[in-house]
Protein backbone atom coordinates (compact mmCIF):
# COMPACT_ATOMS: atom_id res chain seq x y z
CA MET A 1 -57.06 -52.49 -28.05
CA ILE A 2 -57.24 -50.81 -24.40
CA ALA A 3 -54.62 -53.40 -23.94
CA LYS A 4 -51.91 -52.48 -26.34
CA ILE A 5 -52.45 -48.53 -25.46
CA ARG A 6 -51.53 -49.46 -21.96
CA ALA A 7 -48.26 -51.98 -22.75
CA ALA A 8 -47.75 -48.59 -25.16
CA LEU A 9 -48.33 -46.72 -21.98
CA VAL A 10 -45.61 -49.04 -19.90
CA ALA A 11 -43.25 -49.06 -22.19
CA THR A 12 -43.33 -45.14 -22.40
CA ILE A 13 -43.20 -45.17 -18.44
CA ALA A 14 -40.22 -47.47 -18.42
CA LEU A 15 -38.50 -45.91 -21.41
CA LEU A 16 -38.67 -42.11 -19.56
CA ALA A 17 -37.06 -44.52 -16.28
CA LEU A 18 -34.58 -46.12 -18.08
CA ALA A 19 -33.70 -42.66 -19.55
CA GLY A 20 -32.97 -40.75 -16.29
CA CYS A 21 -31.41 -43.38 -14.42
CA SER A 22 -28.48 -43.26 -17.17
CA SER A 23 -27.48 -40.06 -17.69
CA SER A 24 -25.00 -38.59 -15.33
CA PRO A 25 -26.18 -36.90 -12.64
CA PRO A 26 -25.02 -32.51 -13.70
CA ALA A 27 -21.47 -31.64 -11.95
CA ARG A 28 -21.00 -30.53 -8.31
CA GLU A 29 -19.73 -27.49 -7.48
CA THR A 30 -16.94 -27.81 -4.84
CA ILE A 31 -15.65 -25.28 -2.76
CA ARG A 32 -12.19 -25.42 -1.65
CA THR A 33 -10.71 -22.68 1.07
CA VAL A 34 -7.08 -21.84 -0.99
CA GLU A 35 -4.71 -19.67 1.45
CA VAL A 36 -2.63 -17.44 -0.53
CA LYS A 37 0.38 -15.82 0.67
CA VAL A 38 -0.29 -12.00 -0.04
CA PRO A 39 2.60 -9.62 1.09
CA VAL A 40 1.61 -6.85 3.20
CA PRO A 41 3.72 -3.90 3.60
CA VAL A 42 4.80 -3.17 7.07
CA ALA A 43 5.48 0.04 8.71
CA VAL A 44 9.36 0.30 9.53
CA ALA A 45 10.19 2.47 12.42
CA PRO A 46 12.95 5.43 10.97
CA PRO A 47 15.94 5.66 13.42
CA ALA A 48 16.00 8.34 16.26
CA GLU A 49 18.37 10.15 14.85
CA LEU A 50 16.46 11.01 11.82
CA LEU A 51 13.30 12.31 14.01
CA ALA A 52 15.38 14.52 15.79
CA PRO A 53 13.70 18.22 16.09
CA ILE A 54 16.35 20.18 14.35
CA GLN A 55 16.97 22.84 15.81
CA PRO A 56 16.74 26.59 14.40
CA PRO A 57 19.88 29.41 14.93
CA ALA A 58 19.61 30.68 18.51
CA GLN A 59 20.15 34.16 18.09
CA ASP A 60 17.54 36.21 15.64
CA VAL A 61 19.09 35.94 11.92
CA PHE A 62 16.99 38.37 10.22
CA GLN A 63 17.85 42.23 11.20
CA SER A 64 15.71 45.13 10.47
CA PRO A 65 15.70 46.93 7.40
CA GLY A 66 18.83 49.76 6.87
CA ALA A 67 20.75 48.25 10.01
CA PRO A 68 24.41 49.39 9.57
CA GLY A 69 26.34 46.60 7.80
CA ALA A 70 23.29 43.84 6.61
CA VAL A 71 23.24 43.30 3.24
CA ALA A 72 19.28 42.02 2.53
CA CYS A 73 18.65 42.34 6.10
CA VAL A 74 20.91 39.76 7.17
CA ASP A 75 24.20 40.55 9.30
CA THR A 76 27.55 38.48 9.18
CA ALA A 77 26.96 36.32 12.04
CA GLY A 78 23.23 35.99 10.88
CA ARG A 79 24.66 34.70 7.56
CA ALA A 80 26.41 32.30 9.07
CA ALA A 81 24.43 31.10 11.24
CA LEU A 82 21.46 31.02 8.23
CA VAL A 83 23.61 28.74 6.04
CA GLU A 84 24.60 26.59 9.00
CA TYR A 85 20.77 25.92 9.56
CA VAL A 86 19.95 25.17 5.91
CA GLU A 87 23.00 22.95 5.80
CA ARG A 88 21.83 20.73 8.68
CA LEU A 89 18.41 20.93 6.64
CA ARG A 90 19.57 19.64 4.03
CA ASN A 91 22.06 16.99 5.74
CA ALA A 92 19.07 15.41 7.14
CA ASN A 93 16.91 15.28 4.06
CA ALA A 94 19.70 13.56 2.47
CA ALA A 95 19.67 11.13 5.52
CA TRP A 96 15.99 10.46 5.62
CA LEU A 97 16.26 9.86 1.28
CA ALA A 98 19.11 7.64 2.10
CA TRP A 99 17.38 5.49 5.05
CA ALA A 100 13.98 5.72 2.29
CA ALA A 101 16.25 4.02 -0.47
CA ALA A 102 17.89 1.46 2.18
CA GLN A 103 14.03 0.39 3.09
CA ALA A 104 13.11 -0.17 -0.77
CA ASP A 105 15.65 -2.42 -1.26
C-alpha cells in the first residue's frame, strides 16, 4: 500500500514538474526609448525699426482752459502735432501687426 502511495506521489510530482516546464513563461516587458520630434517655438527678434521708440510731440500740445484760439484745450499747432503723433502710433501698430502676421506663416 505504501508503494502505491509513493508511486502516486512520485507520479504527481513528475506531472507537476512537466506541467510547469511545458507552459510558456510570462511575457517580458520590453522598454525602448523612442525619439519623438516635437516642434518647439523659437522667439524671433523683431526688426530694429519696430523697437525704435516713438517720440511724443516736442511742444506742449494742450493749453490751459479758456486760452484764446484753443478748442478743447488744443490750439491749431498743438492739434497738428497731436494728429501727427497719433498717426505715427497707428503706423507703428500696423507695422507690428504686419510683422506678427508674417511670422505666423
